[in-house]
PDB file of N, CA and C in Angstrom:
ATOM      1  N   UNK A   1       1.027  -0.441 140.857  1.00  0.00           N
ATOM      2  CA  UNK A   1       0.505   0.691 141.249  1.00  0.00           C
ATOM      3  C   UNK A   1      -0.113   1.436 140.295  1.00  0.00           C
ATOM      4  N   UNK A   2      -1.228   2.035 140.144  1.00  0.00           N
ATOM      5  CA  UNK A   2      -1.729   2.992 139.423  1.00  0.00           C
ATOM      6  C   UNK A   2      -0.969   4.622 139.214  1.00  0.00           C
ATOM      7  N   UNK A   3      -0.877   4.827 138.096  1.00  0.00           N
ATOM      8  CA  UNK A   3      -0.457   6.072 137.898  1.00  0.00           C
ATOM      9  C   UNK A   3      -1.423   7.340 138.025  1.00  0.00           C
ATOM     10  N   UNK A   4      -1.173   8.464 138.094  1.00  0.00           N
ATOM     11  CA  UNK A   4      -1.865   9.395 138.461  1.00  0.00           C
ATOM     12  C   UNK A   4      -2.939   9.414 136.992  1.00  0.00           C
ATOM     13  N   UNK A   5      -4.370   9.629 137.650  1.00  0.00           N
ATOM     14  CA  UNK A   5      -5.323   9.519 136.582  1.00  0.00           C
ATOM     15  C   UNK A   5      -5.682   8.425 136.276  1.00  0.00           C
ATOM     16  N   UNK A   6      -5.214   7.331 136.583  1.00  0.00           N
ATOM     17  CA  UNK A   6      -5.887   5.910 136.502  1.00  0.00           C
ATOM     18  C   UNK A   6      -6.679   5.391 137.532  1.00  0.00           C
ATOM     19  N   UNK A   7      -7.858   5.047 137.406  1.00  0.00           N
ATOM     20  CA  UNK A   7      -8.677   4.877 138.190  1.00  0.00           C
ATOM     21  C   UNK A   7      -8.539   3.457 138.340  1.00  0.00           C
ATOM     22  N   UNK A   8      -8.674   2.698 139.799  1.00  0.00           N
ATOM     23  CA  UNK A   8      -8.875   1.324 139.929  1.00  0.00           C
ATOM     24  C   UNK A   8     -10.410   1.445 140.908  1.00  0.00           C
ATOM     25  N   UNK A   9     -10.859   0.874 139.720  1.00  0.00           N
ATOM     26  CA  UNK A   9     -12.509   0.624 140.206  1.00  0.00           C
ATOM     27  C   UNK A   9     -12.747  -0.570 140.887  1.00  0.00           C
ATOM     28  N   UNK A  10     -13.501  -0.890 141.960  1.00  0.00           N
ATOM     29  CA  UNK A  10     -13.830  -1.928 142.705  1.00  0.00           C
ATOM     30  C   UNK A  10     -15.137  -2.564 141.899  1.00  0.00           C
ATOM     31  N   UNK A  11     -15.454  -3.775 142.305  1.00  0.00           N
ATOM     32  CA  UNK A  11     -16.609  -4.526 141.909  1.00  0.00           C
ATOM     33  C   UNK A  11     -17.234  -5.012 143.033  1.00  0.00           C
ATOM     34  N   UNK A  12     -17.700  -4.414 144.037  1.00  0.00           N
ATOM     35  CA  UNK A  12     -18.460  -5.143 145.288  1.00  0.00           C
ATOM     36  C   UNK A  12     -19.962  -5.264 144.842  1.00  0.00           C
ATOM     37  N   UNK A  13     -20.540  -6.380 144.367  1.00  0.00           N
ATOM     38  CA  UNK A  13     -21.887  -6.675 143.968  1.00  0.00           C
ATOM     39  C   UNK A  13     -22.935  -6.417 144.766  1.00  0.00           C
ATOM     40  N   UNK A  14     -22.598  -6.850 146.377  1.00  0.00           N
ATOM     41  CA  UNK A  14     -23.510  -6.381 147.084  1.00  0.00           C
ATOM     42  C   UNK A  14     -23.691  -4.958 146.954  1.00  0.00           C
ATOM     43  N   UNK A  15     -22.657  -4.253 147.622  1.00  0.00           N
ATOM     44  CA  UNK A  15     -22.674  -2.835 147.611  1.00  0.00           C
ATOM     45  C   UNK A  15     -23.550  -2.225 146.359  1.00  0.00           C
ATOM     46  N   UNK A  16     -23.247  -2.436 145.061  1.00  0.00           N
ATOM     47  CA  UNK A  16     -23.659  -1.990 143.829  1.00  0.00           C
ATOM     48  C   UNK A  16     -25.430  -2.498 144.223  1.00  0.00           C
ATOM     49  N   UNK A  17     -25.711  -3.622 144.458  1.00  0.00           N
ATOM     50  CA  UNK A  17     -27.033  -4.133 144.520  1.00  0.00           C
ATOM     51  C   UNK A  17     -28.005  -2.989 145.393  1.00  0.00           C
ATOM     52  N   UNK A  18     -27.369  -3.024 146.592  1.00  0.00           N
ATOM     53  CA  UNK A  18     -27.846  -2.157 147.802  1.00  0.00           C
ATOM     54  C   UNK A  18     -27.761  -0.798 147.073  1.00  0.00           C
ATOM     55  N   UNK A  19     -27.126   0.017 146.414  1.00  0.00           N
ATOM     56  CA  UNK A  19     -27.045   1.272 145.378  1.00  0.00           C
ATOM     57  C   UNK A  19     -28.548   1.296 144.483  1.00  0.00           C
ATOM     58  N   UNK A  20     -28.475   0.384 143.698  1.00  0.00           N
ATOM     59  CA  UNK A  20     -29.619  -0.287 143.124  1.00  0.00           C
ATOM     60  C   UNK A  20     -31.112   0.037 143.381  1.00  0.00           C
ATOM     61  N   UNK A  21     -31.041  -0.651 144.896  1.00  0.00           N
ATOM     62  CA  UNK A  21     -32.282  -0.860 145.571  1.00  0.00           C
ATOM     63  C   UNK A  21     -32.551   0.356 146.309  1.00  0.00           C
ATOM     64  N   UNK A  22     -31.771   1.199 146.576  1.00  0.00           N
ATOM     65  CA  UNK A  22     -31.799   2.592 147.109  1.00  0.00           C
ATOM     66  C   UNK A  22     -32.169   1.854 148.701  1.00  0.00           C
ATOM     67  N   UNK A  23     -31.035   1.367 149.110  1.00  0.00           N
ATOM     68  CA  UNK A  23     -30.590   0.779 150.317  1.00  0.00           C
ATOM     69  C   UNK A  23     -29.490   1.048 151.114  1.00  0.00           C
ATOM     70  N   UNK A  24     -28.860   2.213 150.306  1.00  0.00           N
ATOM     71  CA  UNK A  24     -27.258   2.433 150.970  1.00  0.00           C
ATOM     72  C   UNK A  24     -27.322   2.997 152.420  1.00  0.00           C
ATOM     73  N   UNK A  25     -28.907   3.735 152.723  1.00  0.00           N
ATOM     74  CA  UNK A  25     -28.354   4.428 154.186  1.00  0.00           C
ATOM     75  C   UNK A  25     -28.335   5.574 154.208  1.00  0.00           C
ATOM     76  N   UNK A  26     -27.990   6.381 152.744  1.00  0.00           N
ATOM     77  CA  UNK A  26     -28.019   7.864 152.468  1.00  0.00           C
ATOM     78  C   UNK A  26     -29.093   8.352 151.978  1.00  0.00           C
ATOM     79  N   UNK A  27     -29.703   9.327 152.754  1.00  0.00           N
ATOM     80  CA  UNK A  27     -31.250   9.173 152.399  1.00  0.00           C
ATOM     81  C   UNK A  27     -31.419   9.738 150.992  1.00  0.00           C
ATOM     82  N   UNK A  28     -30.564  10.803 150.487  1.00  0.00           N
ATOM     83  CA  UNK A  28     -31.161  11.438 148.931  1.00  0.00           C
ATOM     84  C   UNK A  28     -30.641  10.181 148.075  1.00  0.00           C
ATOM     85  N   UNK A  29     -29.480   9.798 148.174  1.00  0.00           N
ATOM     86  CA  UNK A  29     -29.276   8.346 147.048  1.00  0.00           C
ATOM     87  C   UNK A  29     -30.366   7.575 147.013  1.00  0.00           C
ATOM     88  N   UNK A  30     -30.719   6.981 148.315  1.00  0.00           N
ATOM     89  CA  UNK A  30     -31.759   5.828 148.107  1.00  0.00           C
ATOM     90  C   UNK A  30     -33.149   6.527 147.622  1.00  0.00           C
ATOM     91  N   UNK A  31     -33.581   7.553 147.936  1.00  0.00           N
ATOM     92  CA  UNK A  31     -34.601   8.423 147.599  1.00  0.00           C
ATOM     93  C   UNK A  31     -34.756   8.519 145.776  1.00  0.00           C
ATOM     94  N   UNK A  32     -33.678   9.063 145.667  1.00  0.00           N
ATOM     95  CA  UNK A  32     -33.500   8.828 143.830  1.00  0.00           C
ATOM     96  C   UNK A  32     -33.676   7.519 143.353  1.00  0.00           C
ATOM     97  N   UNK A  33     -33.098   6.843 143.993  1.00  0.00           N
ATOM     98  CA  UNK A  33     -32.952   5.382 143.336  1.00  0.00           C
ATOM     99  C   UNK A  33     -34.218   4.877 143.576  1.00  0.00           C
ATOM    100  N   UNK A  34     -34.889   4.738 144.380  1.00  0.00           N
ATOM    101  CA  UNK A  34     -36.285   4.203 144.525  1.00  0.00           C
ATOM    102  C   UNK A  34     -37.355   4.982 143.654  1.00  0.00           C
ATOM    103  N   UNK A  35     -36.911   6.424 143.233  1.00  0.00           N
ATOM    104  CA  UNK A  35     -37.801   7.033 142.053  1.00  0.00           C
ATOM    105  C   UNK A  35     -37.717   6.104 140.942  1.00  0.00           C
ATOM    106  N   UNK A  36     -36.263   6.169 140.741  1.00  0.00           N
ATOM    107  CA  UNK A  36     -35.774   5.543 139.521  1.00  0.00           C
ATOM    108  C   UNK A  36     -36.338   3.862 139.099  1.00  0.00           C
ATOM    109  N   UNK A  37     -36.634   3.328 140.239  1.00  0.00           N
ATOM    110  CA  UNK A  37     -37.078   2.257 140.118  1.00  0.00           C
ATOM    111  C   UNK A  37     -38.758   1.908 140.251  1.00  0.00           C
ATOM    112  N   UNK A  38     -39.405   3.086 140.411  1.00  0.00           N
ATOM    113  CA  UNK A  38     -40.724   3.173 140.300  1.00  0.00           C
ATOM    114  C   UNK A  38     -41.387   3.904 139.392  1.00  0.00           C
ATOM    115  N   UNK A  39     -40.521   4.998 138.798  1.00  0.00           N
ATOM    116  CA  UNK A  39     -41.025   5.686 137.548  1.00  0.00           C
ATOM    117  C   UNK A  39     -40.333   5.736 136.482  1.00  0.00           C
ATOM    118  N   UNK A  40     -39.338   5.067 136.596  1.00  0.00           N
ATOM    119  CA  UNK A  40     -38.011   4.988 135.229  1.00  0.00           C
ATOM    120  C   UNK A  40     -37.717   6.519 134.766  1.00  0.00           C
ATOM    121  N   UNK A  41     -37.978   7.278 136.219  1.00  0.00           N
ATOM    122  CA  UNK A  41     -37.466   8.997 135.800  1.00  0.00           C
ATOM    123  C   UNK A  41     -36.374   9.489 136.963  1.00  0.00           C
ATOM    124  N   UNK A  42     -35.523  10.157 136.960  1.00  0.00           N
ATOM    125  CA  UNK A  42     -34.938  10.999 138.054  1.00  0.00           C
ATOM    126  C   UNK A  42     -34.297  12.328 137.422  1.00  0.00           C
ATOM    127  N   UNK A  43     -34.470  13.496 138.474  1.00  0.00           N
ATOM    128  CA  UNK A  43     -33.827  14.639 137.758  1.00  0.00           C
ATOM    129  C   UNK A  43     -32.603  14.521 137.551  1.00  0.00           C
ATOM    130  N   UNK A  44     -32.231  15.731 136.774  1.00  0.00           N
ATOM    131  CA  UNK A  44     -30.748  15.698 136.387  1.00  0.00           C
ATOM    132  C   UNK A  44     -29.785  15.920 137.448  1.00  0.00           C
ATOM    133  N   UNK A  45     -30.024  16.639 138.560  1.00  0.00           N
ATOM    134  CA  UNK A  45     -29.314  16.909 139.805  1.00  0.00           C
ATOM    135  C   UNK A  45     -29.338  15.191 140.710  1.00  0.00           C
ATOM    136  N   UNK A  46     -30.404  15.072 140.287  1.00  0.00           N
ATOM    137  CA  UNK A  46     -30.418  13.321 141.076  1.00  0.00           C
ATOM    138  C   UNK A  46     -29.628  12.236 140.411  1.00  0.00           C
ATOM    139  N   UNK A  47     -29.802  12.624 139.156  1.00  0.00           N
ATOM    140  CA  UNK A  47     -28.837  11.609 138.258  1.00  0.00           C
ATOM    141  C   UNK A  47     -27.320  11.778 138.535  1.00  0.00           C
ATOM    142  N   UNK A  48     -27.059  13.361 138.644  1.00  0.00           N
ATOM    143  CA  UNK A  48     -25.521  13.439 139.080  1.00  0.00           C
ATOM    144  C   UNK A  48     -24.857  12.886 140.305  1.00  0.00           C
ATOM    145  N   UNK A  49     -25.880  13.323 141.343  1.00  0.00           N
ATOM    146  CA  UNK A  49     -25.620  12.767 142.774  1.00  0.00           C
ATOM    147  C   UNK A  49     -25.316  11.263 142.864  1.00  0.00           C
ATOM    148  N   UNK A  50     -26.497  10.609 142.538  1.00  0.00           N
ATOM    149  CA  UNK A  50     -26.375   9.266 142.683  1.00  0.00           C
ATOM    150  C   UNK A  50     -25.344   8.633 141.746  1.00  0.00           C
ATOM    151  N   UNK A  51     -24.776   8.988 140.372  1.00  0.00           N
ATOM    152  CA  UNK A  51     -23.732   8.618 139.511  1.00  0.00           C
ATOM    153  C   UNK A  51     -22.300   9.241 140.343  1.00  0.00           C
ATOM    154  N   UNK A  52     -22.409  10.239 141.138  1.00  0.00           N
ATOM    155  CA  UNK A  52     -20.909  10.582 141.383  1.00  0.00           C
ATOM    156  C   UNK A  52     -20.885   9.632 142.880  1.00  0.00           C
ATOM    157  N   UNK A  53     -21.884   9.320 143.765  1.00  0.00           N
ATOM    158  CA  UNK A  53     -22.042   8.302 144.910  1.00  0.00           C
ATOM    159  C   UNK A  53     -21.496   7.097 144.659  1.00  0.00           C
ATOM    160  N   UNK A  54     -21.693   6.672 143.530  1.00  0.00           N
ATOM    161  CA  UNK A  54     -21.464   5.296 143.312  1.00  0.00           C
ATOM    162  C   UNK A  54     -19.894   5.254 142.883  1.00  0.00           C
ATOM    163  N   UNK A  55     -19.289   6.281 142.078  1.00  0.00           N
ATOM    164  CA  UNK A  55     -18.328   6.073 141.129  1.00  0.00           C
ATOM    165  C   UNK A  55     -17.086   6.585 142.194  1.00  0.00           C
ATOM    166  N   UNK A  56     -17.631   7.870 142.909  1.00  0.00           N
ATOM    167  CA  UNK A  56     -16.314   8.680 143.754  1.00  0.00           C
ATOM    168  C   UNK A  56     -16.660   8.309 145.272  1.00  0.00           C
ATOM    169  N   UNK A  57     -17.886   8.113 145.643  1.00  0.00           N
ATOM    170  CA  UNK A  57     -17.688   8.080 147.005  1.00  0.00           C
ATOM    171  C   UNK A  57     -17.417   6.301 147.412  1.00  0.00           C
ATOM    172  N   UNK A  58     -18.208   5.612 146.645  1.00  0.00           N
ATOM    173  CA  UNK A  58     -18.086   4.065 146.676  1.00  0.00           C
ATOM    174  C   UNK A  58     -17.171   3.464 146.319  1.00  0.00           C
ATOM    175  N   UNK A  59     -16.617   4.054 145.203  1.00  0.00           N
ATOM    176  CA  UNK A  59     -15.501   3.865 144.161  1.00  0.00           C
ATOM    177  C   UNK A  59     -15.457   2.536 143.388  1.00  0.00           C
ATOM    178  N   UNK A  60     -16.902   2.022 143.050  1.00  0.00           N
ATOM    179  CA  UNK A  60     -17.655   1.186 142.263  1.00  0.00           C
ATOM    180  C   UNK A  60     -17.515   1.416 140.687  1.00  0.00           C
ATOM    181  N   UNK A  61     -16.968   0.843 139.914  1.00  0.00           N
ATOM    182  CA  UNK A  61     -16.915   0.714 138.500  1.00  0.00           C
ATOM    183  C   UNK A  61     -18.331   1.444 137.941  1.00  0.00           C
ATOM    184  N   UNK A  62     -18.172   2.835 137.175  1.00  0.00           N
ATOM    185  CA  UNK A  62     -19.258   3.615 137.173  1.00  0.00           C
ATOM    186  C   UNK A  62     -20.087   2.804 135.793  1.00  0.00           C
ATOM    187  N   UNK A  63     -19.419   1.952 135.292  1.00  0.00           N
ATOM    188  CA  UNK A  63     -20.485   1.340 134.104  1.00  0.00           C
ATOM    189  C   UNK A  63     -21.257   0.397 134.507  1.00  0.00           C
ATOM    190  N   UNK A  64     -21.207  -0.179 136.184  1.00  0.00           N
ATOM    191  CA  UNK A  64     -22.414  -0.668 136.492  1.00  0.00           C
ATOM    192  C   UNK A  64     -23.320   0.106 136.344  1.00  0.00           C
ATOM    193  N   UNK A  65     -23.364   1.397 136.885  1.00  0.00           N
ATOM    194  CA  UNK A  65     -24.574   2.416 137.032  1.00  0.00           C
ATOM    195  C   UNK A  65     -24.911   2.807 135.644  1.00  0.00           C
ATOM    196  N   UNK A  66     -24.171   2.919 134.868  1.00  0.00           N
ATOM    197  CA  UNK A  66     -24.727   3.593 133.531  1.00  0.00           C
ATOM    198  C   UNK A  66     -25.446   2.396 132.930  1.00  0.00           C
ATOM    199  N   UNK A  67     -25.106   1.053 132.924  1.00  0.00           N
ATOM    200  CA  UNK A  67     -26.101   0.020 132.610  1.00  0.00           C
ATOM    201  C   UNK A  67     -27.259   0.041 133.263  1.00  0.00           C
ATOM    202  N   UNK A  68     -27.334   0.202 134.443  1.00  0.00           N
ATOM    203  CA  UNK A  68     -28.593   0.186 135.313  1.00  0.00           C
ATOM    204  C   UNK A  68     -29.377   1.175 134.676  1.00  0.00           C
ATOM    205  N   UNK A  69     -28.752   2.429 134.698  1.00  0.00           N
ATOM    206  CA  UNK A  69     -29.515   3.649 134.000  1.00  0.00           C
ATOM    207  C   UNK A  69     -30.323   3.341 132.570  1.00  0.00           C
ATOM    208  N   UNK A  70     -29.460   2.481 131.553  1.00  0.00           N
ATOM    209  CA  UNK A  70     -29.791   2.190 130.428  1.00  0.00           C
ATOM    210  C   UNK A  70     -31.157   1.292 130.311  1.00  0.00           C
ATOM    211  N   UNK A  71     -31.299   0.578 131.455  1.00  0.00           N
ATOM    212  CA  UNK A  71     -32.275  -0.480 131.668  1.00  0.00           C
ATOM    213  C   UNK A  71     -33.519   0.172 132.003  1.00  0.00           C
ATOM    214  N   UNK A  72     -33.132   1.293 132.846  1.00  0.00           N
ATOM    215  CA  UNK A  72     -34.422   1.609 133.502  1.00  0.00           C
ATOM    216  C   UNK A  72     -35.087   2.978 133.635  1.00  0.00           C
ATOM    217  N   UNK A  73     -34.293   4.220 132.731  1.00  0.00           N
ATOM    218  CA  UNK A  73     -34.709   5.144 132.219  1.00  0.00           C
ATOM    219  C   UNK A  73     -35.548   5.207 130.941  1.00  0.00           C
ATOM    220  N   UNK A  74     -36.862   5.907 131.523  1.00  0.00           N
ATOM    221  CA  UNK A  74     -37.538   5.752 130.236  1.00  0.00           C
ATOM    222  C   UNK A  74     -37.201   7.017 129.099  1.00  0.00           C
ATOM    223  N   UNK A  75     -36.374   8.303 129.731  1.00  0.00           N
ATOM    224  CA  UNK A  75     -35.836   8.855 128.536  1.00  0.00           C
ATOM    225  C   UNK A  75     -34.507   8.638 128.380  1.00  0.00           C
ATOM    226  N   UNK A  76     -33.916   7.483 128.205  1.00  0.00           N
ATOM    227  CA  UNK A  76     -32.572   6.868 128.150  1.00  0.00           C
ATOM    228  C   UNK A  76     -31.843   7.353 126.542  1.00  0.00           C
ATOM    229  N   UNK A  77     -30.926   8.007 126.681  1.00  0.00           N
ATOM    230  CA  UNK A  77     -30.128   8.247 125.691  1.00  0.00           C
ATOM    231  C   UNK A  77     -28.699   7.664 125.723  1.00  0.00           C
ATOM    232  N   UNK A  78     -28.297   7.076 124.874  1.00  0.00           N
ATOM    233  CA  UNK A  78     -27.054   6.064 125.011  1.00  0.00           C
ATOM    234  C   UNK A  78     -26.082   7.531 125.093  1.00  0.00           C
ATOM    235  N   UNK A  79     -25.771   8.414 124.317  1.00  0.00           N
ATOM    236  CA  UNK A  79     -24.805   9.494 124.420  1.00  0.00           C
ATOM    237  C   UNK A  79     -24.790  10.376 125.681  1.00  0.00           C
ATOM    238  N   UNK A  80     -26.192  10.702 125.976  1.00  0.00           N
ATOM    239  CA  UNK A  80     -26.021  11.519 127.429  1.00  0.00           C
ATOM    240  C   UNK A  80     -25.887  10.645 128.468  1.00  0.00           C
ATOM    241  N   UNK A  81     -26.374   9.288 128.336  1.00  0.00           N
ATOM    242  CA  UNK A  81     -26.271   8.113 129.522  1.00  0.00           C
ATOM    243  C   UNK A  81     -24.598   8.314 129.710  1.00  0.00           C
ATOM    244  N   UNK A  82     -23.804   7.555 128.536  1.00  0.00           N
ATOM    245  CA  UNK A  82     -22.380   7.362 129.144  1.00  0.00           C
ATOM    246  C   UNK A  82     -21.451   8.551 129.074  1.00  0.00           C
ATOM    247  N   UNK A  83     -21.761   9.462 128.591  1.00  0.00           N
ATOM    248  CA  UNK A  83     -21.177  10.967 128.782  1.00  0.00           C
ATOM    249  C   UNK A  83     -21.391  11.550 130.003  1.00  0.00           C
ATOM    250  N   UNK A  84     -22.502  11.342 130.663  1.00  0.00           N
ATOM    251  CA  UNK A  84     -22.628  11.658 132.033  1.00  0.00           C
ATOM    252  C   UNK A  84     -21.858  11.063 133.186  1.00  0.00           C
ATOM    253  N   UNK A  85     -22.368   9.660 132.889  1.00  0.00           N
ATOM    254  CA  UNK A  85     -21.617   8.762 133.501  1.00  0.00           C
ATOM    255  C   UNK A  85     -20.460   9.063 134.027  1.00  0.00           C
ATOM    256  N   UNK A  86     -19.533   9.029 132.739  1.00  0.00           N
ATOM    257  CA  UNK A  86     -17.992   9.056 132.608  1.00  0.00           C
ATOM    258  C   UNK A  86     -17.664  10.394 133.495  1.00  0.00           C
ATOM    259  N   UNK A  87     -18.389  11.240 133.241  1.00  0.00           N
ATOM    260  CA  UNK A  87     -18.122  12.593 133.570  1.00  0.00           C
ATOM    261  C   UNK A  87     -18.460  12.760 135.248  1.00  0.00           C
ATOM    262  N   UNK A  88     -19.537  12.160 135.625  1.00  0.00           N
ATOM    263  CA  UNK A  88     -19.776  12.043 137.083  1.00  0.00           C
ATOM    264  C   UNK A  88     -18.546  10.961 137.798  1.00  0.00           C
ATOM    265  N   UNK A  89     -17.726  10.138 136.664  1.00  0.00           N
ATOM    266  CA  UNK A  89     -16.876   9.256 137.529  1.00  0.00           C
ATOM    267  C   UNK A  89     -15.307   9.687 137.700  1.00  0.00           C
ATOM    268  N   UNK A  90     -15.500  11.305 136.889  1.00  0.00           N
ATOM    269  CA  UNK A  90     -14.048  11.701 136.973  1.00  0.00           C
ATOM    270  C   UNK A  90     -13.249  11.596 135.780  1.00  0.00           C
ATOM    271  N   UNK A  91     -13.974  11.235 134.836  1.00  0.00           N
ATOM    272  CA  UNK A  91     -13.181  10.579 133.457  1.00  0.00           C
ATOM    273  C   UNK A  91     -13.026  11.697 132.293  1.00  0.00           C
ATOM    274  N   UNK A  92     -13.864  12.693 132.458  1.00  0.00           N
ATOM    275  CA  UNK A  92     -13.707  13.798 131.391  1.00  0.00           C
ATOM    276  C   UNK A  92     -12.641  14.693 131.630  1.00  0.00           C
ATOM    277  N   UNK A  93     -12.717  15.765 130.560  1.00  0.00           N
ATOM    278  CA  UNK A  93     -11.564  16.450 130.821  1.00  0.00           C
ATOM    279  C   UNK A  93     -11.886  17.815 131.536  1.00  0.00           C
ATOM    280  N   UNK A  94     -13.220  17.861 132.059  1.00  0.00           N
ATOM    281  CA  UNK A  94     -13.188  18.995 133.135  1.00  0.00           C
ATOM    282  C   UNK A  94     -13.033  18.876 134.328  1.00  0.00           C
ATOM    283  N   UNK A  95     -13.640  19.388 135.551  1.00  0.00           N
ATOM    284  CA  UNK A  95     -13.509  19.252 136.995  1.00  0.00           C
ATOM    285  C   UNK A  95     -14.426  18.181 137.080  1.00  0.00           C
ATOM    286  N   UNK A  96     -13.911  17.768 138.030  1.00  0.00           N
ATOM    287  CA  UNK A  96     -14.768  16.508 138.840  1.00  0.00           C
ATOM    288  C   UNK A  96     -15.657  17.039 139.902  1.00  0.00           C
ATOM    289  N   UNK A  97     -16.902  16.692 139.961  1.00  0.00           N
ATOM    290  CA  UNK A  97     -18.220  17.172 140.938  1.00  0.00           C
ATOM    291  C   UNK A  97     -18.151  16.095 141.842  1.00  0.00           C
ATOM    292  N   UNK A  98     -17.872  16.695 142.935  1.00  0.00           N
ATOM    293  CA  UNK A  98     -18.083  15.768 144.221  1.00  0.00           C
ATOM    294  C   UNK A  98     -19.419  16.663 144.816  1.00  0.00           C
ATOM    295  N   UNK A  99     -20.362  15.715 145.351  1.00  0.00           N
ATOM    296  CA  UNK A  99     -21.347  15.955 145.847  1.00  0.00           C
ATOM    297  C   UNK A  99     -21.182  15.676 147.510  1.00  0.00           C
ATOM    298  N   UNK A 100     -21.915  16.713 148.107  1.00  0.00           N
ATOM    299  CA  UNK A 100     -21.862  16.428 149.595  1.00  0.00           C
ATOM    300  C   UNK A 100     -23.387  16.335 149.772  1.00  0.00           C
ATOM    301  N   UNK A 101     -23.755  14.748 149.724  1.00  0.00           N
ATOM    302  CA  UNK A 101     -25.214  14.276 149.681  1.00  0.00           C
ATOM    303  C   UNK A 101     -26.132  15.349 150.998  1.00  0.00           C
ATOM    304  N   UNK A 102     -25.347  15.374 152.256  1.00  0.00           N
ATOM    305  CA  UNK A 102     -26.096  15.990 153.143  1.00  0.00           C
ATOM    306  C   UNK A 102     -26.877  17.640 152.884  1.00  0.00           C
ATOM    307  N   UNK A 103     -25.574  18.259 151.970  1.00  0.00           N
ATOM    308  CA  UNK A 103     -26.262  19.727 151.796  1.00  0.00           C
ATOM    309  C   UNK A 103     -27.002  19.631 150.626  1.00  0.00           C
ATOM    310  N   UNK A 104     -27.008  18.514 149.672  1.00  0.00           N
ATOM    311  CA  UNK A 104     -27.924  18.395 148.676  1.00  0.00           C
ATOM    312  C   UNK A 104     -29.012  18.114 148.979  1.00  0.00           C
ATOM    313  N   UNK A 105     -29.356  17.745 150.006  1.00  0.00           N
ATOM    314  CA  UNK A 105     -30.356  17.125 150.536  1.00  0.00           C
ATOM    315  C   UNK A 105     -31.455  18.458 150.800  1.00  0.00           C
TER     316      UNK A 105
END
């Protein structure tokens, strides 16, 4: 049993693949992921929304997302990428940002 603050990440490769391809059924997440695939870029808010969605809503291991961003982003920076992803996954010392994707749309 996990203690307080210990995350039990899941690894559903089909679900992660649907997230990567922008096929989750959540319009804002899908639009941002498709933009990334086509252009190699995504807005900062989009990055936060899709990262939080993968890690907090889908409960998938955030490192799959961080690695995918590393491969895809034309403005990739290792420190910013992994810092942002770990924060969006709730691993940082600050508050955890849960995004309501419908309101964010």
